[in-house]
């Protein structure tokens, strides 16, 4: 059938089609469409066929239903601690590198590990729980990241979102103290006022393309 089809295409278009190995075809595809190298995970909970092929230990209850987006130095860690005191609110498991944060949607390396890896970052007792649990992901890096909104909306379309608004001056000073605590060379060398004086003027066009502290 395919031989006849290829012959028909060649006869009427002059094109010569040939078969290639899948790996070579894949590489060629990404040469033409490099933006597709990074996947966009969609919610398995709205796909009936996906749910049917899932193993018994996987279910939608292992995905968080609440995201604390940030920003940094606005009290998100305190909120994480307060919520964790409630017996029905379960945060993500501690990370050796990111502490109480997962940073799944804001890290290309972690995001590419897939949905199974993300679910494994949350502890869930399964059917032994008498009351419904609230799993939540607190990652302050989500708010400023350009790809995090689309990634989170695609995988967790029904999740509730929390953003903490802080006085920008107080947050900037808190960030400055945070950088000093981590021995940042600029923060250690210059005062808070000197750092502010070195920033572009608010009316400067370059400020719109810069990231907040």
N, C-alpha and C. Protein backbone atom coordinates (compact mmCIF):
# COMPACT_ATOMS: atom_id res chain seq x y z
N UNK A 1 0.83 -1.21 0.00
CA UNK A 1 0.00 0.00 0.00
C UNK A 1 0.86 1.26 0.00
N UNK A 2 1.86 1.29 0.90
CA UNK A 2 2.72 2.47 0.99
C UNK A 2 3.59 2.62 -0.27
N UNK A 3 4.01 1.48 -0.84
CA UNK A 3 4.80 1.55 -2.06
C UNK A 3 4.00 2.20 -3.18
N UNK A 4 2.73 1.81 -3.30
CA UNK A 4 1.86 2.39 -4.32
C UNK A 4 1.62 3.88 -4.04
N UNK A 5 1.45 4.21 -2.76
CA UNK A 5 1.22 5.61 -2.40
C UNK A 5 2.44 6.47 -2.73
N UNK A 6 3.63 5.98 -2.38
CA UNK A 6 4.85 6.74 -2.68
C UNK A 6 5.04 6.88 -4.19
N UNK A 7 4.70 5.83 -4.94
CA UNK A 7 4.80 5.91 -6.38
C UNK A 7 3.84 6.93 -6.96
N UNK A 8 2.65 7.00 -6.40
CA UNK A 8 1.66 7.98 -6.86
C UNK A 8 2.14 9.41 -6.61
N UNK A 9 2.67 9.65 -5.39
CA UNK A 9 3.18 10.98 -5.05
C UNK A 9 4.32 11.37 -5.98
N UNK A 10 5.24 10.43 -6.25
CA UNK A 10 6.37 10.73 -7.13
C UNK A 10 5.91 11.03 -8.56
N UNK A 11 4.92 10.29 -9.02
CA UNK A 11 4.46 10.47 -10.40
C UNK A 11 3.86 11.84 -10.62
N UNK A 12 3.11 12.33 -9.63
CA UNK A 12 2.38 13.58 -9.82
C UNK A 12 3.09 14.80 -9.24
N UNK A 13 4.11 14.61 -8.43
CA UNK A 13 4.81 15.76 -7.84
C UNK A 13 6.30 15.78 -8.14
N UNK A 14 6.85 14.63 -8.52
CA UNK A 14 8.28 14.57 -8.75
C UNK A 14 9.08 14.36 -7.48
N UNK A 15 8.41 14.27 -6.33
CA UNK A 15 9.10 14.08 -5.05
C UNK A 15 9.47 12.61 -4.87
N UNK A 16 10.66 12.38 -4.37
CA UNK A 16 11.10 11.02 -4.05
C UNK A 16 11.11 10.85 -2.53
N UNK A 17 10.25 10.04 -2.00
CA UNK A 17 10.15 9.79 -0.57
C UNK A 17 11.01 8.59 -0.20
N UNK A 18 11.60 8.64 0.98
CA UNK A 18 12.42 7.53 1.44
C UNK A 18 12.22 7.33 2.94
N UNK A 19 12.46 6.15 3.41
CA UNK A 19 12.30 5.82 4.82
C UNK A 19 13.59 6.14 5.57
N UNK A 20 13.44 6.59 6.82
CA UNK A 20 14.58 6.89 7.69
C UNK A 20 14.33 6.30 9.06
N UNK A 21 15.40 6.11 9.81
CA UNK A 21 15.28 5.60 11.17
C UNK A 21 14.57 6.64 12.05
N UNK A 22 13.76 6.19 13.03
CA UNK A 22 13.02 7.13 13.89
C UNK A 22 13.92 8.16 14.57
N UNK A 23 15.10 7.75 15.03
CA UNK A 23 15.99 8.68 15.71
C UNK A 23 16.43 9.80 14.78
N UNK A 24 16.75 9.45 13.55
CA UNK A 24 17.16 10.46 12.57
C UNK A 24 16.01 11.40 12.24
N UNK A 25 14.81 10.83 12.11
CA UNK A 25 13.64 11.66 11.85
C UNK A 25 13.38 12.62 13.01
N UNK A 26 13.54 12.10 14.23
CA UNK A 26 13.34 12.96 15.40
C UNK A 26 14.31 14.11 15.44
N UNK A 27 15.56 13.83 15.16
CA UNK A 27 16.57 14.89 15.15
C UNK A 27 16.27 15.93 14.08
N UNK A 28 15.81 15.46 12.92
CA UNK A 28 15.48 16.39 11.83
C UNK A 28 14.30 17.26 12.20
N UNK A 29 13.32 16.66 12.88
CA UNK A 29 12.14 17.43 13.30
C UNK A 29 12.53 18.57 14.22
N UNK A 30 13.39 18.27 15.21
CA UNK A 30 13.78 19.30 16.17
C UNK A 30 14.72 20.33 15.56
N UNK A 31 15.39 19.98 14.45
CA UNK A 31 16.15 20.99 13.73
C UNK A 31 15.22 22.02 13.09
N UNK A 32 14.06 21.54 12.64
CA UNK A 32 13.08 22.43 11.99
C UNK A 32 12.24 23.16 13.03
N UNK A 33 11.89 22.47 14.11
CA UNK A 33 11.03 23.04 15.16
C UNK A 33 11.74 22.95 16.51
N UNK A 34 12.77 23.76 16.75
CA UNK A 34 13.53 23.66 18.01
C UNK A 34 12.70 24.03 19.23
N UNK A 35 11.61 24.81 19.03
CA UNK A 35 10.80 25.21 20.18
C UNK A 35 10.05 24.02 20.78
N UNK A 36 9.94 22.92 20.04
CA UNK A 36 9.22 21.74 20.55
C UNK A 36 10.10 20.81 21.37
N UNK A 37 11.36 21.16 21.58
CA UNK A 37 12.24 20.30 22.37
C UNK A 37 11.78 20.22 23.82
N UNK A 38 11.23 21.31 24.33
CA UNK A 38 10.73 21.31 25.70
C UNK A 38 9.26 20.91 25.70
N UNK A 39 8.88 19.85 26.42
CA UNK A 39 7.49 19.38 26.40
C UNK A 39 6.59 20.30 27.21
N UNK A 40 5.30 20.13 27.03
CA UNK A 40 4.30 20.81 27.85
C UNK A 40 3.37 19.73 28.37
N UNK A 41 3.56 19.36 29.65
CA UNK A 41 2.77 18.28 30.23
C UNK A 41 1.33 18.73 30.43
N UNK A 42 0.39 17.93 29.95
CA UNK A 42 -1.02 18.23 30.14
C UNK A 42 -1.58 17.38 31.27
N UNK A 43 -2.75 17.75 31.74
CA UNK A 43 -3.35 17.06 32.88
C UNK A 43 -3.84 15.67 32.48
N UNK A 44 -3.33 14.63 33.12
CA UNK A 44 -3.83 13.28 32.84
C UNK A 44 -5.23 13.06 33.40
N UNK A 45 -5.64 13.93 34.32
CA UNK A 45 -6.92 13.74 35.00
C UNK A 45 -8.11 14.02 34.09
N UNK A 46 -7.90 14.75 33.00
CA UNK A 46 -8.98 15.06 32.07
C UNK A 46 -8.93 14.19 30.82
N UNK A 47 -8.04 13.20 30.82
CA UNK A 47 -7.87 12.31 29.67
C UNK A 47 -8.29 10.90 30.08
N UNK A 48 -9.44 10.47 29.61
CA UNK A 48 -9.97 9.17 30.01
C UNK A 48 -9.04 8.03 29.62
N UNK A 49 -8.47 8.09 28.42
CA UNK A 49 -7.58 7.04 27.96
C UNK A 49 -6.31 6.98 28.80
N UNK A 50 -5.82 8.17 29.19
CA UNK A 50 -4.62 8.22 30.04
C UNK A 50 -4.90 7.56 31.39
N UNK A 51 -6.06 7.85 31.95
CA UNK A 51 -6.41 7.28 33.26
C UNK A 51 -6.54 5.77 33.18
N UNK A 52 -7.01 5.26 32.05
CA UNK A 52 -7.21 3.82 31.90
C UNK A 52 -5.89 3.04 31.88
N UNK A 53 -4.82 3.67 31.39
CA UNK A 53 -3.54 2.95 31.30
C UNK A 53 -2.64 3.23 32.49
N UNK A 54 -3.07 4.11 33.40
CA UNK A 54 -2.28 4.39 34.59
C UNK A 54 -2.26 3.17 35.50
N UNK A 55 -1.13 2.95 36.17
CA UNK A 55 -1.06 1.86 37.14
C UNK A 55 -1.87 2.21 38.38
N UNK A 56 -2.11 1.22 39.22
CA UNK A 56 -3.01 1.40 40.37
C UNK A 56 -2.49 2.40 41.40
N UNK A 57 -1.15 2.59 41.47
CA UNK A 57 -0.61 3.49 42.49
C UNK A 57 -0.53 4.94 42.01
N UNK A 58 -1.04 5.19 40.79
CA UNK A 58 -1.07 6.55 40.27
C UNK A 58 -2.51 7.04 40.19
N UNK A 59 -2.76 8.22 40.70
CA UNK A 59 -4.08 8.82 40.57
C UNK A 59 -3.96 10.33 40.72
N UNK A 60 -5.02 11.02 40.38
CA UNK A 60 -5.00 12.48 40.37
C UNK A 60 -4.86 13.08 41.77
N UNK A 61 -5.15 12.29 42.79
CA UNK A 61 -5.03 12.80 44.16
C UNK A 61 -3.58 13.01 44.57
N UNK A 62 -2.64 12.50 43.79
CA UNK A 62 -1.22 12.67 44.11
C UNK A 62 -0.65 13.95 43.49
N UNK A 63 -1.48 14.71 42.81
CA UNK A 63 -1.06 16.00 42.29
C UNK A 63 -1.57 17.11 43.20
N UNK A 64 -0.80 18.18 43.40
CA UNK A 64 -1.24 19.25 44.30
C UNK A 64 -2.43 20.01 43.74
N UNK A 65 -3.26 20.51 44.64
CA UNK A 65 -4.41 21.32 44.24
C UNK A 65 -4.24 22.78 44.66
N UNK A 66 -3.08 23.11 45.21
CA UNK A 66 -2.79 24.48 45.63
C UNK A 66 -1.34 24.82 45.30
N UNK A 67 -1.13 25.97 44.69
CA UNK A 67 0.21 26.46 44.38
C UNK A 67 0.43 27.80 45.05
N UNK A 68 1.53 27.91 45.79
CA UNK A 68 1.96 29.19 46.37
C UNK A 68 3.08 29.69 45.47
N UNK A 69 2.82 30.76 44.74
CA UNK A 69 3.68 31.17 43.64
C UNK A 69 4.80 32.11 44.03
N UNK A 70 4.69 32.76 45.16
CA UNK A 70 5.73 33.73 45.52
C UNK A 70 5.13 35.11 45.67
N UNK A 71 5.94 36.15 45.49
CA UNK A 71 7.35 36.11 45.09
C UNK A 71 8.28 35.84 46.27
N UNK A 72 9.57 35.80 45.99
CA UNK A 72 10.55 35.57 47.04
C UNK A 72 10.56 36.73 48.03
N UNK A 73 10.89 36.41 49.27
CA UNK A 73 11.00 37.39 50.36
C UNK A 73 9.69 38.12 50.61
N UNK A 74 8.58 37.38 50.51
CA UNK A 74 7.28 38.01 50.77
C UNK A 74 6.50 37.26 51.85
N UNK A 75 7.12 36.28 52.48
CA UNK A 75 6.46 35.53 53.54
C UNK A 75 5.93 34.17 53.10
N UNK A 76 6.36 33.69 51.94
CA UNK A 76 5.85 32.40 51.47
C UNK A 76 6.34 31.23 52.33
N UNK A 77 7.55 31.34 52.86
CA UNK A 77 8.06 30.28 53.73
C UNK A 77 7.26 30.20 55.02
N UNK A 78 6.90 31.37 55.56
CA UNK A 78 6.07 31.39 56.77
C UNK A 78 4.70 30.78 56.49
N UNK A 79 4.10 31.14 55.37
CA UNK A 79 2.80 30.57 55.01
C UNK A 79 2.91 29.06 54.85
N UNK A 80 3.99 28.60 54.23
CA UNK A 80 4.23 27.16 54.09
C UNK A 80 4.27 26.49 55.46
N UNK A 81 4.94 27.09 56.40
CA UNK A 81 5.06 26.51 57.74
C UNK A 81 3.71 26.48 58.44
N UNK A 82 2.93 27.56 58.32
CA UNK A 82 1.63 27.63 58.98
C UNK A 82 0.66 26.59 58.40
N UNK A 83 0.62 26.48 57.07
CA UNK A 83 -0.27 25.51 56.44
C UNK A 83 0.12 24.08 56.81
N UNK A 84 1.42 23.84 56.93
CA UNK A 84 1.90 22.49 57.24
C UNK A 84 1.47 22.02 58.63
N UNK A 85 1.09 22.96 59.49
CA UNK A 85 0.63 22.59 60.83
C UNK A 85 -0.75 21.93 60.81
N UNK A 86 -1.50 22.18 59.75
CA UNK A 86 -2.84 21.59 59.65
C UNK A 86 -2.71 20.12 59.23
N UNK A 87 -3.41 19.22 59.91
CA UNK A 87 -3.24 17.78 59.61
C UNK A 87 -3.72 17.39 58.22
N UNK A 88 -4.54 18.21 57.56
CA UNK A 88 -5.04 17.86 56.23
C UNK A 88 -4.34 18.63 55.12
N UNK A 89 -3.36 19.45 55.47
CA UNK A 89 -2.59 20.18 54.47
C UNK A 89 -1.19 19.60 54.41
N UNK A 90 -0.84 19.01 53.28
CA UNK A 90 0.43 18.31 53.14
C UNK A 90 1.30 19.01 52.10
N UNK A 91 2.47 19.49 52.49
CA UNK A 91 3.36 20.13 51.52
C UNK A 91 4.17 19.09 50.75
N UNK A 92 4.97 19.57 49.84
CA UNK A 92 5.89 18.68 49.12
C UNK A 92 6.97 18.18 50.08
N UNK A 93 7.58 17.08 49.73
CA UNK A 93 8.66 16.54 50.55
C UNK A 93 9.87 17.46 50.51
N UNK A 94 10.66 17.54 51.58
CA UNK A 94 11.83 18.42 51.59
C UNK A 94 12.84 18.05 50.51
N UNK A 95 13.47 19.07 49.97
CA UNK A 95 14.47 18.88 48.93
C UNK A 95 15.84 19.23 49.48
N UNK A 96 16.86 18.47 49.09
CA UNK A 96 18.22 18.74 49.56
C UNK A 96 18.77 20.04 48.99
N UNK A 97 18.28 20.43 47.82
CA UNK A 97 18.80 21.63 47.16
C UNK A 97 17.87 22.82 47.27
N UNK A 98 16.54 22.58 47.27
CA UNK A 98 15.58 23.68 47.28
C UNK A 98 14.77 23.75 48.58
N UNK A 99 15.16 22.97 49.57
CA UNK A 99 14.53 22.99 50.89
C UNK A 99 13.04 22.65 50.78
N UNK A 100 12.14 23.61 51.08
CA UNK A 100 10.71 23.31 51.08
C UNK A 100 10.08 23.50 49.70
N UNK A 101 10.87 23.82 48.69
CA UNK A 101 10.34 24.10 47.36
C UNK A 101 10.61 22.95 46.39
N UNK A 102 9.70 22.80 45.42
CA UNK A 102 9.87 21.80 44.36
C UNK A 102 10.53 22.45 43.14
N UNK A 103 10.02 23.62 42.74
CA UNK A 103 10.51 24.39 41.59
C UNK A 103 10.39 23.59 40.30
N UNK A 104 9.36 22.77 40.21
CA UNK A 104 9.14 21.92 39.04
C UNK A 104 8.85 22.74 37.79
N UNK A 105 7.97 23.72 37.90
CA UNK A 105 7.54 24.50 36.73
C UNK A 105 8.54 25.58 36.34
N UNK A 106 9.51 25.88 37.18
CA UNK A 106 10.47 26.95 36.87
C UNK A 106 11.87 26.42 36.58
N UNK A 107 12.03 25.12 36.52
CA UNK A 107 13.33 24.52 36.23
C UNK A 107 13.19 23.59 35.03
N UNK A 108 13.89 23.87 33.95
CA UNK A 108 13.83 23.01 32.77
C UNK A 108 14.30 21.59 33.09
N UNK A 109 15.35 21.49 33.90
CA UNK A 109 15.89 20.18 34.25
C UNK A 109 14.86 19.35 35.00
N UNK A 110 14.20 19.94 35.99
CA UNK A 110 13.21 19.21 36.78
C UNK A 110 11.94 18.97 35.98
N UNK A 111 11.52 19.94 35.21
CA UNK A 111 10.29 19.81 34.42
C UNK A 111 10.41 18.68 33.40
N UNK A 112 11.58 18.52 32.84
CA UNK A 112 11.78 17.47 31.84
C UNK A 112 11.78 16.07 32.45
N UNK A 113 11.84 15.98 33.78
CA UNK A 113 11.76 14.67 34.43
C UNK A 113 10.35 14.09 34.38
N UNK A 114 9.35 14.93 34.13
CA UNK A 114 8.01 14.44 33.87
C UNK A 114 7.07 14.42 35.07
N UNK A 115 5.83 14.00 34.77
CA UNK A 115 4.75 14.04 35.76
C UNK A 115 5.00 13.05 36.89
N UNK A 116 5.51 11.86 36.57
CA UNK A 116 5.75 10.87 37.62
C UNK A 116 6.73 11.39 38.67
N UNK A 117 7.79 12.06 38.21
CA UNK A 117 8.75 12.62 39.15
C UNK A 117 8.08 13.68 40.02
N UNK A 118 7.23 14.50 39.43
CA UNK A 118 6.55 15.55 40.19
C UNK A 118 5.65 14.94 41.26
N UNK A 119 4.90 13.90 40.91
CA UNK A 119 4.02 13.26 41.89
C UNK A 119 4.82 12.64 43.03
N UNK A 120 6.01 12.15 42.73
CA UNK A 120 6.83 11.52 43.76
C UNK A 120 7.35 12.52 44.79
N UNK A 121 7.21 13.81 44.52
CA UNK A 121 7.66 14.83 45.48
C UNK A 121 6.62 15.09 46.57
N UNK A 122 5.50 14.37 46.51
CA UNK A 122 4.44 14.56 47.49
C UNK A 122 4.11 13.23 48.14
N UNK A 123 4.03 13.28 49.45
CA UNK A 123 3.65 12.09 50.21
C UNK A 123 2.13 12.01 50.27
N UNK A 124 1.60 10.83 50.04
CA UNK A 124 0.14 10.67 50.07
C UNK A 124 -0.21 9.31 50.65
N UNK A 125 -1.08 9.28 51.68
CA UNK A 125 -1.37 8.00 52.34
C UNK A 125 -2.33 7.11 51.58
N UNK A 126 -2.95 7.62 50.52
CA UNK A 126 -3.88 6.81 49.74
C UNK A 126 -5.22 6.65 50.44
N UNK A 127 -5.76 5.45 50.38
CA UNK A 127 -7.10 5.21 50.91
C UNK A 127 -7.15 5.12 52.43
N UNK A 128 -6.01 5.19 53.10
CA UNK A 128 -5.99 5.08 54.56
C UNK A 128 -6.44 6.38 55.23
N UNK A 129 -6.48 7.47 54.49
CA UNK A 129 -6.86 8.75 55.07
C UNK A 129 -8.38 8.85 55.21
N UNK A 130 -8.84 9.31 56.37
CA UNK A 130 -10.28 9.44 56.62
C UNK A 130 -10.84 10.73 56.03
N UNK A 131 -9.99 11.72 55.85
CA UNK A 131 -10.44 13.02 55.37
C UNK A 131 -9.65 13.39 54.11
N UNK A 132 -10.28 14.16 53.21
CA UNK A 132 -9.55 14.59 52.01
C UNK A 132 -8.37 15.48 52.38
N UNK A 133 -7.28 15.30 51.68
CA UNK A 133 -6.06 16.05 51.96
C UNK A 133 -5.85 17.14 50.92
N UNK A 134 -5.18 18.19 51.36
CA UNK A 134 -4.80 19.28 50.46
C UNK A 134 -3.30 19.20 50.25
N UNK A 135 -2.88 18.77 49.06
CA UNK A 135 -1.47 18.77 48.72
C UNK A 135 -1.13 20.13 48.13
N UNK A 136 -0.03 20.72 48.56
CA UNK A 136 0.32 22.03 48.02
C UNK A 136 1.81 22.12 47.71
N UNK A 137 2.09 22.93 46.70
CA UNK A 137 3.44 23.16 46.20
C UNK A 137 3.76 24.63 46.40
N UNK A 138 4.73 24.90 47.25
CA UNK A 138 5.17 26.27 47.47
C UNK A 138 6.54 26.46 46.81
N UNK A 139 6.57 27.25 45.75
CA UNK A 139 7.82 27.53 45.05
C UNK A 139 7.81 29.00 44.63
N UNK A 140 8.59 29.80 45.31
CA UNK A 140 8.58 31.24 45.07
C UNK A 140 9.18 31.63 43.73
N UNK A 141 9.81 30.67 43.05
CA UNK A 141 10.40 30.95 41.74
C UNK A 141 9.36 30.90 40.61
N UNK A 142 8.13 30.49 40.91
CA UNK A 142 7.12 30.36 39.87
C UNK A 142 6.66 31.72 39.34
N UNK A 143 6.50 32.69 40.23
CA UNK A 143 5.90 33.96 39.83
C UNK A 143 6.70 34.69 38.75
N UNK A 144 8.03 34.85 38.87
CA UNK A 144 8.75 35.61 37.85
C UNK A 144 9.16 34.79 36.63
N UNK A 145 8.95 33.47 36.66
CA UNK A 145 9.44 32.64 35.55
C UNK A 145 8.52 32.76 34.34
N UNK A 146 9.06 32.98 33.14
CA UNK A 146 8.21 33.21 31.97
C UNK A 146 7.41 32.00 31.51
N UNK A 147 7.88 30.78 31.80
CA UNK A 147 7.20 29.57 31.33
C UNK A 147 6.34 28.90 32.40
N UNK A 148 6.52 29.29 33.65
CA UNK A 148 5.80 28.61 34.73
C UNK A 148 4.28 28.74 34.61
N UNK A 149 3.71 29.89 34.25
CA UNK A 149 2.25 29.98 34.17
C UNK A 149 1.64 28.97 33.19
N UNK A 150 2.19 28.88 31.99
CA UNK A 150 1.64 27.95 30.99
C UNK A 150 1.82 26.50 31.43
N UNK A 151 2.95 26.19 32.03
CA UNK A 151 3.20 24.82 32.48
C UNK A 151 2.24 24.43 33.59
N UNK A 152 2.06 25.31 34.56
CA UNK A 152 1.17 25.02 35.68
C UNK A 152 -0.28 24.92 35.22
N UNK A 153 -0.70 25.83 34.35
CA UNK A 153 -2.08 25.80 33.87
C UNK A 153 -2.37 24.55 33.05
N UNK A 154 -1.37 24.05 32.34
CA UNK A 154 -1.57 22.87 31.52
C UNK A 154 -1.69 21.60 32.35
N UNK A 155 -0.88 21.49 33.39
CA UNK A 155 -0.89 20.27 34.21
C UNK A 155 -1.92 20.34 35.33
N UNK A 156 -2.11 21.52 35.92
CA UNK A 156 -3.00 21.69 37.08
C UNK A 156 -4.04 22.78 36.78
N UNK A 157 -4.94 22.55 35.83
CA UNK A 157 -5.87 23.61 35.43
C UNK A 157 -6.85 24.04 36.52
N UNK A 158 -7.10 23.17 37.50
CA UNK A 158 -8.08 23.50 38.55
C UNK A 158 -7.43 23.90 39.87
N UNK A 159 -6.12 24.03 39.89
CA UNK A 159 -5.42 24.36 41.14
C UNK A 159 -5.72 25.78 41.59
N UNK A 160 -5.80 25.97 42.90
CA UNK A 160 -5.92 27.30 43.48
C UNK A 160 -4.53 27.93 43.57
N UNK A 161 -4.47 29.24 43.40
CA UNK A 161 -3.20 29.96 43.38
C UNK A 161 -3.16 30.99 44.50
N UNK A 162 -1.99 31.10 45.14
CA UNK A 162 -1.78 32.11 46.18
C UNK A 162 -0.55 32.93 45.83
N UNK A 163 -0.73 34.24 45.78
CA UNK A 163 0.38 35.18 45.59
C UNK A 163 0.34 36.17 46.74
N UNK A 164 1.47 36.37 47.39
CA UNK A 164 1.56 37.30 48.51
C UNK A 164 2.13 38.62 48.03
N UNK A 165 1.38 39.70 48.24
CA UNK A 165 1.83 41.03 47.84
C UNK A 165 2.49 41.70 49.04
N UNK A 166 3.67 42.18 48.85
CA UNK A 166 4.46 42.80 49.91
C UNK A 166 4.84 44.21 49.49
N UNK A 167 5.02 45.08 50.47
CA UNK A 167 5.52 46.42 50.16
C UNK A 167 6.83 46.28 49.39
N UNK A 168 6.93 46.87 48.19
CA UNK A 168 8.12 46.64 47.36
C UNK A 168 9.42 47.10 48.01
N UNK A 169 9.35 48.16 48.82
CA UNK A 169 10.57 48.64 49.49
C UNK A 169 11.01 47.64 50.55
N UNK A 170 10.07 47.17 51.34
CA UNK A 170 10.40 46.19 52.37
C UNK A 170 10.91 44.88 51.75
N UNK A 171 10.28 44.48 50.65
CA UNK A 171 10.71 43.24 50.00
C UNK A 171 12.11 43.39 49.40
N UNK A 172 12.40 44.56 48.83
CA UNK A 172 13.73 44.80 48.26
C UNK A 172 14.79 44.76 49.36
N UNK A 173 14.48 45.37 50.51
CA UNK A 173 15.46 45.36 51.60
C UNK A 173 15.64 43.96 52.17
N UNK A 174 14.54 43.20 52.25
CA UNK A 174 14.63 41.82 52.72
C UNK A 174 15.48 41.00 51.77
N UNK A 175 15.34 41.24 50.46
CA UNK A 175 16.15 40.53 49.48
C UNK A 175 17.63 40.90 49.61
N UNK A 176 17.89 42.18 49.87
CA UNK A 176 19.27 42.64 50.06
C UNK A 176 19.90 41.93 51.26
N UNK A 177 19.17 41.83 52.36
CA UNK A 177 19.68 41.13 53.54
C UNK A 177 19.86 39.64 53.26
N UNK A 178 18.98 39.08 52.45
CA UNK A 178 19.10 37.67 52.06
C UNK A 178 20.40 37.44 51.28
N UNK A 179 20.72 38.36 50.36
CA UNK A 179 21.94 38.22 49.57
C UNK A 179 23.18 38.40 50.44
N UNK A 180 23.11 39.28 51.42
CA UNK A 180 24.23 39.45 52.35
C UNK A 180 24.44 38.18 53.17
N UNK A 181 23.34 37.55 53.56
CA UNK A 181 23.45 36.31 54.34
C UNK A 181 24.10 35.20 53.53
N UNK A 182 24.01 35.31 52.20
CA UNK A 182 24.62 34.32 51.31
C UNK A 182 25.95 34.82 50.74
N UNK A 183 26.49 35.87 51.36
CA UNK A 183 27.81 36.41 50.99
C UNK A 183 27.90 36.82 49.52
N UNK A 184 26.80 37.40 49.02
CA UNK A 184 26.84 37.91 47.65
C UNK A 184 27.85 39.06 47.57
N UNK A 185 28.79 39.05 46.60
CA UNK A 185 29.85 40.07 46.55
C UNK A 185 29.32 41.49 46.48
N UNK A 186 28.28 41.73 45.68
CA UNK A 186 27.73 43.08 45.54
C UNK A 186 27.08 43.54 46.84
N UNK A 187 26.28 42.67 47.44
CA UNK A 187 25.61 43.03 48.69
C UNK A 187 26.61 43.24 49.83
N UNK A 188 27.70 42.49 49.82
CA UNK A 188 28.70 42.63 50.87
C UNK A 188 29.52 43.91 50.70
N UNK A 189 29.66 44.35 49.47
CA UNK A 189 30.52 45.50 49.20
C UNK A 189 29.78 46.82 49.30
N UNK A 190 28.50 46.84 48.92
CA UNK A 190 27.75 48.09 48.85
C UNK A 190 26.58 48.09 49.82
N UNK A 191 26.21 49.28 50.26
CA UNK A 191 25.05 49.42 51.14
C UNK A 191 23.77 49.30 50.32
N UNK A 192 22.66 49.19 51.03
CA UNK A 192 21.36 49.08 50.35
C UNK A 192 21.09 50.32 49.51
N UNK A 193 21.40 51.49 50.05
CA UNK A 193 21.19 52.75 49.32
C UNK A 193 22.06 52.81 48.07
N UNK A 194 23.28 52.32 48.15
CA UNK A 194 24.17 52.34 46.99
C UNK A 194 23.68 51.39 45.90
N UNK A 195 23.14 50.26 46.31
CA UNK A 195 22.59 49.32 45.33
C UNK A 195 21.40 49.93 44.61
N UNK A 196 20.52 50.61 45.37
CA UNK A 196 19.36 51.25 44.74
C UNK A 196 19.78 52.36 43.80
N UNK A 197 20.80 53.12 44.18
CA UNK A 197 21.26 54.23 43.35
C UNK A 197 21.84 53.74 42.03
N UNK A 198 22.34 52.52 42.01
CA UNK A 198 22.95 51.98 40.79
C UNK A 198 21.92 51.40 39.83
N UNK A 199 20.66 51.23 40.28
CA UNK A 199 19.63 50.67 39.42
C UNK A 199 19.20 51.69 38.38
N UNK A 200 18.69 51.24 37.21
CA UNK A 200 18.18 52.16 36.20
C UNK A 200 17.01 52.97 36.73
N UNK A 201 16.83 54.16 36.20
CA UNK A 201 15.71 55.00 36.59
C UNK A 201 14.41 54.33 36.15
N UNK A 202 13.32 54.47 36.91
CA UNK A 202 12.06 53.81 36.54
C UNK A 202 11.58 54.13 35.13
N UNK A 203 11.95 55.30 34.61
CA UNK A 203 11.51 55.67 33.27
C UNK A 203 12.41 55.11 32.18
N UNK A 204 13.49 54.43 32.58
CA UNK A 204 14.43 53.91 31.60
C UNK A 204 13.82 52.71 30.87
N UNK A 205 13.92 52.67 29.52
CA UNK A 205 13.36 51.53 28.77
C UNK A 205 13.99 50.20 29.16
N UNK A 206 15.25 50.24 29.61
CA UNK A 206 15.93 48.99 29.94
C UNK A 206 15.35 48.33 31.18
N UNK A 207 14.63 49.12 32.00
CA UNK A 207 14.09 48.58 33.24
C UNK A 207 12.97 47.57 32.96
N UNK A 208 12.25 47.77 31.87
CA UNK A 208 11.15 46.88 31.57
C UNK A 208 11.61 45.48 31.22
N UNK A 209 12.83 45.35 30.77
CA UNK A 209 13.34 44.03 30.38
C UNK A 209 14.15 43.37 31.50
N UNK A 210 14.34 44.08 32.59
CA UNK A 210 15.13 43.52 33.68
C UNK A 210 14.22 42.78 34.64
N UNK A 211 14.79 41.84 35.40
CA UNK A 211 14.02 41.07 36.38
C UNK A 211 14.08 41.78 37.73
N UNK A 212 12.98 41.71 38.50
CA UNK A 212 12.98 42.31 39.83
C UNK A 212 13.89 41.56 40.75
N UNK A 213 14.34 42.17 41.84
CA UNK A 213 15.23 41.48 42.78
C UNK A 213 14.54 40.33 43.47
